[in-house]
Amino acid sequence: MSDDKSIPHQTVRGRLTLRTFARNTKSESLGVYLETDDDCFLIRPASGNAFENPIARLAGKWIEATGRRSAYVFFATEWHEINDPG
């Protein structure tokens, strides 16, 4: 999905949180979520291992990320920390 060129790139901003993903299943893991003003979705790099997410080290911080979004995952091609807008 992360290589699907039919989905346009977009830039999103929000705060990163860590939450349990797929609770009570064999896929249960700690997921990195981006909470925006109107949504919340998983975020991970567009390439690399889905279970070793380097974005997780920014948990609790605000970021701006560019990439493509599937139904519930944002595949980031680039990201950087930003100041808390509040």
Foldseek 3Di string as FASTA:
>chain_A
DQPPPVFDKDKFKAAWAWDWDPPPDPPTDIFIWGDGPPDIAGEAASDDDRRDGPCVVRHGFMKMFIGGDDPGYGHGPDMDTDHDPD
